[in-house]
Amino acid sequence: GLDRQADGGTHVASTTEVGAVEVTGTESKG
């Protein structure tokens, strides 16, 4: 229901397992 994309890496089984997220910075690179 949120994101579906090609990827070869490893992931948890539910979003709750992430814990919480903090945005620590935003930058303009161009």
PDB file of all heavy atoms in Angstrom:
ATOM      1  N   GLY A   1       0.776  -1.227   0.000  1.00  0.00           N
ATOM      2  CA  GLY A   1       0.000   0.000   0.000  1.00  0.00           C
ATOM      3  C   GLY A   1       0.807   1.277   0.000  1.00  0.00           C
ATOM      4  O   GLY A   1       0.229   2.364   0.007  1.00  0.00           O
ATOM      5  N   LEU A   2       2.150   1.176  -0.027  1.00  0.00           N
ATOM      6  CA  LEU A   2       2.979   2.386   0.017  1.00  0.00           C
ATOM      7  C   LEU A   2       4.032   2.430  -1.075  1.00  0.00           C
ATOM      8  O   LEU A   2       4.120   3.398  -1.829  1.00  0.00           O
ATOM      9  CB  LEU A   2       3.664   2.520   1.379  1.00  0.00           C
ATOM     10  CG  LEU A   2       4.655   3.687   1.497  1.00  0.00           C
ATOM     11  CD1 LEU A   2       3.921   5.023   1.397  1.00  0.00           C
ATOM     12  CD2 LEU A   2       5.445   3.599   2.801  1.00  0.00           C
ATOM     13  N   ASP A   3       4.865   1.389  -1.168  1.00  0.00           N
ATOM     14  CA  ASP A   3       6.033   1.459  -2.050  1.00  0.00           C
ATOM     15  C   ASP A   3       6.317   0.066  -2.617  1.00  0.00           C
ATOM     16  O   ASP A   3       6.375  -0.918  -1.867  1.00  0.00           O
ATOM     17  CB  ASP A   3       7.250   1.965  -1.276  1.00  0.00           C
ATOM     18  CG  ASP A   3       8.462   2.144  -2.163  1.00  0.00           C
ATOM     19  OD1 ASP A   3       8.460   3.082  -2.988  1.00  0.00           O
ATOM     20  OD2 ASP A   3       9.412   1.349  -2.046  1.00  0.00           O
ATOM     21  N   ARG A   4       6.508  -0.005  -3.915  1.00  0.00           N
ATOM     22  CA  ARG A   4       6.799  -1.271  -4.589  1.00  0.00           C
ATOM     23  C   ARG A   4       7.853  -1.002  -5.644  1.00  0.00           C
ATOM     24  O   ARG A   4       7.598  -0.289  -6.609  1.00  0.00           O
ATOM     25  CB  ARG A   4       5.525  -1.834  -5.216  1.00  0.00           C
ATOM     26  CG  ARG A   4       5.653  -3.195  -5.899  1.00  0.00           C
ATOM     27  CD  ARG A   4       4.264  -3.681  -6.291  1.00  0.00           C
ATOM     28  NE  ARG A   4       4.309  -4.959  -6.969  1.00  0.00           N
ATOM     29  CZ  ARG A   4       4.323  -5.115  -8.293  1.00  0.00           C
ATOM     30  NH1 ARG A   4       4.291  -4.041  -9.070  1.00  0.00           N
ATOM     31  NH2 ARG A   4       4.376  -6.311  -8.840  1.00  0.00           N
ATOM     32  N   GLN A   5       9.062  -1.555  -5.432  1.00  0.00           N
ATOM     33  CA  GLN A   5      10.131  -1.267  -6.382  1.00  0.00           C
ATOM     34  C   GLN A   5      11.175  -2.375  -6.399  1.00  0.00           C
ATOM     35  O   GLN A   5      11.330  -3.130  -5.440  1.00  0.00           O
ATOM     36  CB  GLN A   5      10.793   0.069  -6.055  1.00  0.00           C
ATOM     37  CG  GLN A   5      11.426   0.162  -4.693  1.00  0.00           C
ATOM     38  CD  GLN A   5      12.176   1.477  -4.507  1.00  0.00           C
ATOM     39  OE1 GLN A   5      13.189   1.722  -5.146  1.00  0.00           O
ATOM     40  NE2 GLN A   5      11.662   2.325  -3.631  1.00  0.00           N
ATOM     41  N   ALA A   6      11.886  -2.442  -7.531  1.00  0.00           N
ATOM     42  CA  ALA A   6      12.951  -3.421  -7.694  1.00  0.00           C
ATOM     43  C   ALA A   6      14.072  -3.125  -6.713  1.00  0.00           C
ATOM     44  O   ALA A   6      14.476  -1.967  -6.545  1.00  0.00           O
ATOM     45  CB  ALA A   6      13.479  -3.379  -9.123  1.00  0.00           C
ATOM     46  N   ASP A   7      14.572  -4.179  -6.056  1.00  0.00           N
ATOM     47  CA  ASP A   7      15.615  -3.984  -5.050  1.00  0.00           C
ATOM     48  C   ASP A   7      16.237  -5.332  -4.701  1.00  0.00           C
ATOM     49  O   ASP A   7      15.541  -6.340  -4.597  1.00  0.00           O
ATOM     50  CB  ASP A   7      15.010  -3.349  -3.792  1.00  0.00           C
ATOM     51  CG  ASP A   7      16.048  -3.022  -2.744  1.00  0.00           C
ATOM     52  OD1 ASP A   7      16.639  -1.938  -2.819  1.00  0.00           O
ATOM     53  OD2 ASP A   7      16.270  -3.869  -1.861  1.00  0.00           O
ATOM     54  N   GLY A   8      17.557  -5.339  -4.489  1.00  0.00           N
ATOM     55  CA  GLY A   8      18.242  -6.581  -4.167  1.00  0.00           C
ATOM     56  C   GLY A   8      18.644  -6.721  -2.717  1.00  0.00           C
ATOM     57  O   GLY A   8      19.208  -7.743  -2.332  1.00  0.00           O
ATOM     58  N   GLY A   9      18.358  -5.715  -1.883  1.00  0.00           N
ATOM     59  CA  GLY A   9      18.848  -5.703  -0.511  1.00  0.00           C
ATOM     60  C   GLY A   9      17.940  -6.413   0.477  1.00  0.00           C
ATOM     61  O   GLY A   9      16.990  -7.106   0.115  1.00  0.00           O
ATOM     62  N   THR A  10      18.231  -6.222   1.763  1.00  0.00           N
ATOM     63  CA  THR A  10      17.507  -6.907   2.830  1.00  0.00           C
ATOM     64  C   THR A  10      16.629  -5.921   3.593  1.00  0.00           C
ATOM     65  O   THR A  10      17.003  -4.762   3.798  1.00  0.00           O
ATOM     66  CB  THR A  10      18.475  -7.608   3.801  1.00  0.00           C
ATOM     67  OG1 THR A  10      19.343  -6.645   4.390  1.00  0.00           O
ATOM     68  CG2 THR A  10      19.310  -8.644   3.061  1.00  0.00           C
ATOM     69  N   HIS A  11      15.463  -6.420   4.035  1.00  0.00           N
ATOM     70  CA  HIS A  11      14.454  -5.567   4.663  1.00  0.00           C
ATOM     71  C   HIS A  11      13.760  -6.306   5.792  1.00  0.00           C
ATOM     72  O   HIS A  11      13.758  -7.542   5.826  1.00  0.00           O
ATOM     73  CB  HIS A  11      13.414  -5.131   3.622  1.00  0.00           C
ATOM     74  CG  HIS A  11      13.983  -4.310   2.513  1.00  0.00           C
ATOM     75  ND1 HIS A  11      14.002  -2.937   2.534  1.00  0.00           N
ATOM     76  CD2 HIS A  11      14.593  -4.683   1.355  1.00  0.00           C
ATOM     77  CE1 HIS A  11      14.593  -2.491   1.431  1.00  0.00           C
ATOM     78  NE2 HIS A  11      14.957  -3.532   0.702  1.00  0.00           N
ATOM     79  N   VAL A  12      13.136  -5.534   6.688  1.00  0.00           N
ATOM     80  CA  VAL A  12      12.336  -6.128   7.753  1.00  0.00           C
ATOM     81  C   VAL A  12      10.976  -6.530   7.193  1.00  0.00           C
ATOM     82  O   VAL A  12      10.635  -6.201   6.051  1.00  0.00           O
ATOM     83  CB  VAL A  12      12.189  -5.164   8.943  1.00  0.00           C
ATOM     84  CG1 VAL A  12      13.535  -4.947   9.621  1.00  0.00           C
ATOM     85  CG2 VAL A  12      11.595  -3.822   8.503  1.00  0.00           C
ATOM     86  N   ALA A  13      10.188  -7.251   7.992  1.00  0.00           N
ATOM     87  CA  ALA A  13       8.925  -7.823   7.520  1.00  0.00           C
ATOM     88  C   ALA A  13       7.724  -6.912   7.734  1.00  0.00           C
ATOM     89  O   ALA A  13       6.659  -7.148   7.174  1.00  0.00           O
ATOM     90  CB  ALA A  13       8.673  -9.161   8.203  1.00  0.00           C
ATOM     91  N   SER A  14       7.878  -5.870   8.559  1.00  0.00           N
ATOM     92  CA  SER A  14       6.790  -4.935   8.818  1.00  0.00           C
ATOM     93  C   SER A  14       7.386  -3.561   9.091  1.00  0.00           C
ATOM     94  O   SER A  14       8.472  -3.452   9.674  1.00  0.00           O
ATOM     95  CB  SER A  14       5.965  -5.384  10.027  1.00  0.00           C
ATOM     96  OG  SER A  14       5.083  -4.362  10.463  1.00  0.00           O
ATOM     97  N   THR A  15       6.670  -2.523   8.694  1.00  0.00           N
ATOM     98  CA  THR A  15       7.192  -1.170   8.913  1.00  0.00           C
ATOM     99  C   THR A  15       7.401  -0.881  10.398  1.00  0.00           C
ATOM    100  O   THR A  15       8.309  -0.114  10.758  1.00  0.00           O
ATOM    101  CB  THR A  15       6.266  -0.117   8.300  1.00  0.00           C
ATOM    102  OG1 THR A  15       4.949  -0.261   8.832  1.00  0.00           O
ATOM    103  CG2 THR A  15       6.218  -0.244   6.785  1.00  0.00           C
ATOM    104  N   THR A  16       6.602  -1.488  11.280  1.00  0.00           N
ATOM    105  CA  THR A  16       6.763  -1.208  12.709  1.00  0.00           C
ATOM    106  C   THR A  16       8.134  -1.633  13.226  1.00  0.00           C
ATOM    107  O   THR A  16       8.625  -1.080  14.209  1.00  0.00           O
ATOM    108  CB  THR A  16       5.678  -1.913  13.539  1.00  0.00           C
ATOM    109  OG1 THR A  16       5.697  -3.318  13.264  1.00  0.00           O
ATOM    110  CG2 THR A  16       4.314  -1.364  13.239  1.00  0.00           C
ATOM    111  N   GLU A  17       8.752  -2.609  12.560  1.00  0.00           N
ATOM    112  CA  GLU A  17      10.062  -3.086  12.998  1.00  0.00           C
ATOM    113  C   GLU A  17      11.167  -2.053  12.768  1.00  0.00           C
ATOM    114  O   GLU A  17      12.238  -2.129  13.372  1.00  0.00           O
ATOM    115  CB  GLU A  17      10.388  -4.396  12.269  1.00  0.00           C
ATOM    116  CG  GLU A  17      11.425  -5.248  12.957  1.00  0.00           C
ATOM    117  CD  GLU A  17      11.564  -6.620  12.315  1.00  0.00           C
ATOM    118  OE1 GLU A  17      10.585  -7.091  11.701  1.00  0.00           O
ATOM    119  OE2 GLU A  17      12.653  -7.209  12.434  1.00  0.00           O
ATOM    120  N   VAL A  18      10.896  -1.065  11.912  1.00  0.00           N
ATOM    121  CA  VAL A  18      11.870   0.011  11.700  1.00  0.00           C
ATOM    122  C   VAL A  18      12.092   0.774  13.000  1.00  0.00           C
ATOM    123  O   VAL A  18      13.209   1.185  13.305  1.00  0.00           O
ATOM    124  CB  VAL A  18      11.386   0.966  10.590  1.00  0.00           C
ATOM    125  CG1 VAL A  18      12.283   2.211  10.508  1.00  0.00           C
ATOM    126  CG2 VAL A  18      11.355   0.242   9.247  1.00  0.00           C
ATOM    127  N   GLY A  19      11.039   0.948  13.778  1.00  0.00           N
ATOM    128  CA  GLY A  19      11.135   1.712  15.019  1.00  0.00           C
ATOM    129  C   GLY A  19      10.603   3.108  14.827  1.00  0.00           C
ATOM    130  O   GLY A  19       9.409   3.364  14.960  1.00  0.00           O
ATOM    131  N   ALA A  20      11.471   4.037  14.498  1.00  0.00           N
ATOM    132  CA  ALA A  20      11.087   5.416  14.196  1.00  0.00           C
ATOM    133  C   ALA A  20      12.205   6.018  13.367  1.00  0.00           C
ATOM    134  O   ALA A  20      13.334   5.527  13.353  1.00  0.00           O
ATOM    135  CB  ALA A  20      10.862   6.220  15.469  1.00  0.00           C
ATOM    136  N   VAL A  21      11.875   7.100  12.657  1.00  0.00           N
ATOM    137  CA  VAL A  21      12.841   7.747  11.770  1.00  0.00           C
ATOM    138  C   VAL A  21      12.927   9.227  12.102  1.00  0.00           C
ATOM    139  O   VAL A  21      11.916   9.883  12.368  1.00  0.00           O
ATOM    140  CB  VAL A  21      12.445   7.557  10.290  1.00  0.00           C
ATOM    141  CG1 VAL A  21      13.332   8.396   9.375  1.00  0.00           C
ATOM    142  CG2 VAL A  21      12.538   6.090   9.896  1.00  0.00           C
ATOM    143  N   GLU A  22      14.146   9.736  12.080  1.00  0.00           N
ATOM    144  CA  GLU A  22      14.379  11.173  12.237  1.00  0.00           C
ATOM    145  C   GLU A  22      15.063  11.696  10.980  1.00  0.00           C
ATOM    146  O   GLU A  22      16.031  11.103  10.504  1.00  0.00           O
ATOM    147  CB  GLU A  22      15.282  11.437  13.445  1.00  0.00           C
ATOM    148  CG  GLU A  22      15.635  12.896  13.649  1.00  0.00           C
ATOM    149  CD  GLU A  22      16.629  13.109  14.766  1.00  0.00           C
ATOM    150  OE1 GLU A  22      16.956  12.137  15.474  1.00  0.00           O
ATOM    151  OE2 GLU A  22      17.099  14.266  14.925  1.00  0.00           O
ATOM    152  N   VAL A  23      14.550  12.776  10.417  1.00  0.00           N
ATOM    153  CA  VAL A  23      15.244  13.459   9.325  1.00  0.00           C
ATOM    154  C   VAL A  23      16.312  14.344   9.950  1.00  0.00           C
ATOM    155  O   VAL A  23      16.004  15.291  10.674  1.00  0.00           O
ATOM    156  CB  VAL A  23      14.271  14.286   8.463  1.00  0.00           C
ATOM    157  CG1 VAL A  23      15.050  15.150   7.465  1.00  0.00           C
ATOM    158  CG2 VAL A  23      13.313  13.365   7.712  1.00  0.00           C
ATOM    159  N   THR A  24      17.565  13.996   9.729  1.00  0.00           N
ATOM    160  CA  THR A  24      18.677  14.687  10.379  1.00  0.00           C
ATOM    161  C   THR A  24      19.284  15.799   9.537  1.00  0.00           C
ATOM    162  O   THR A  24      20.112  16.562  10.039  1.00  0.00           O
ATOM    163  CB  THR A  24      19.779  13.679  10.739  1.00  0.00           C
ATOM    164  OG1 THR A  24      20.236  13.028   9.543  1.00  0.00           O
ATOM    165  CG2 THR A  24      19.266  12.639  11.723  1.00  0.00           C
ATOM    166  N   GLY A  25      18.876  15.903   8.281  1.00  0.00           N
ATOM    167  CA  GLY A  25      19.416  16.965   7.448  1.00  0.00           C
ATOM    168  C   GLY A  25      18.753  17.009   6.090  1.00  0.00           C
ATOM    169  O   GLY A  25      18.307  15.988   5.569  1.00  0.00           O
ATOM    170  N   THR A  26      18.659  18.200   5.531  1.00  0.00           N
ATOM    171  CA  THR A  26      18.185  18.405   4.164  1.00  0.00           C
ATOM    172  C   THR A  26      19.156  19.346   3.482  1.00  0.00           C
ATOM    173  O   THR A  26      19.580  20.344   4.062  1.00  0.00           O
ATOM    174  CB  THR A  26      16.768  18.997   4.135  1.00  0.00           C
ATOM    175  OG1 THR A  26      16.748  20.211   4.910  1.00  0.00           O
ATOM    176  CG2 THR A  26      15.748  18.017   4.712  1.00  0.00           C
ATOM    177  N   GLU A  27      19.517  19.018   2.236  1.00  0.00           N
ATOM    178  CA  GLU A  27      20.518  19.803   1.522  1.00  0.00           C
ATOM    179  C   GLU A  27      20.140  19.939   0.053  1.00  0.00           C
ATOM    180  O   GLU A  27      19.493  19.059  -0.509  1.00  0.00           O
ATOM    181  CB  GLU A  27      21.893  19.122   1.587  1.00  0.00           C
ATOM    182  CG  GLU A  27      22.391  18.783   2.977  1.00  0.00           C
ATOM    183  CD  GLU A  27      23.598  17.858   2.917  1.00  0.00           C
ATOM    184  OE1 GLU A  27      24.466  18.067   2.048  1.00  0.00           O
ATOM    185  OE2 GLU A  27      23.652  16.913   3.720  1.00  0.00           O
ATOM    186  N   SER A  28      20.577  21.019  -0.542  1.00  0.00           N
ATOM    187  CA  SER A  28      20.489  21.181  -1.983  1.00  0.00           C
ATOM    188  C   SER A  28      21.843  20.833  -2.581  1.00  0.00           C
ATOM    189  O   SER A  28      22.860  21.425  -2.229  1.00  0.00           O
ATOM    190  CB  SER A  28      20.117  22.620  -2.348  1.00  0.00           C
ATOM    191  OG  SER A  28      20.112  22.780  -3.752  1.00  0.00           O
ATOM    192  N   LYS A  29      21.866  19.841  -3.459  1.00  0.00           N
ATOM    193  CA  LYS A  29      23.114  19.402  -4.096  1.00  0.00           C
ATOM    194  C   LYS A  29      23.162  19.814  -5.564  1.00  0.00           C
ATOM    195  O   LYS A  29      23.969  19.320  -6.328  1.00  0.00           O
ATOM    196  CB  LYS A  29      23.245  17.876  -3.985  1.00  0.00           C
ATOM    197  CG  LYS A  29      23.142  17.348  -2.567  1.00  0.00           C
ATOM    198  CD  LYS A  29      24.200  17.937  -1.656  1.00  0.00           C
ATOM    199  CE  LYS A  29      25.582  17.408  -1.973  1.00  0.00           C
ATOM    200  NZ  LYS A  29      26.592  17.880  -0.982  1.00  0.00           N
ATOM    201  N   GLY A  30      22.292  20.725  -5.947  1.00  0.00           N
ATOM    202  CA  GLY A  30      22.251  21.187  -7.329  1.00  0.00           C
ATOM    203  C   GLY A  30      20.872  21.695  -7.662  1.00  0.00           C
ATOM    204  O   GLY A  30      19.942  21.652  -6.837  1.00  0.00           O
TER     205      GLY A  30
END
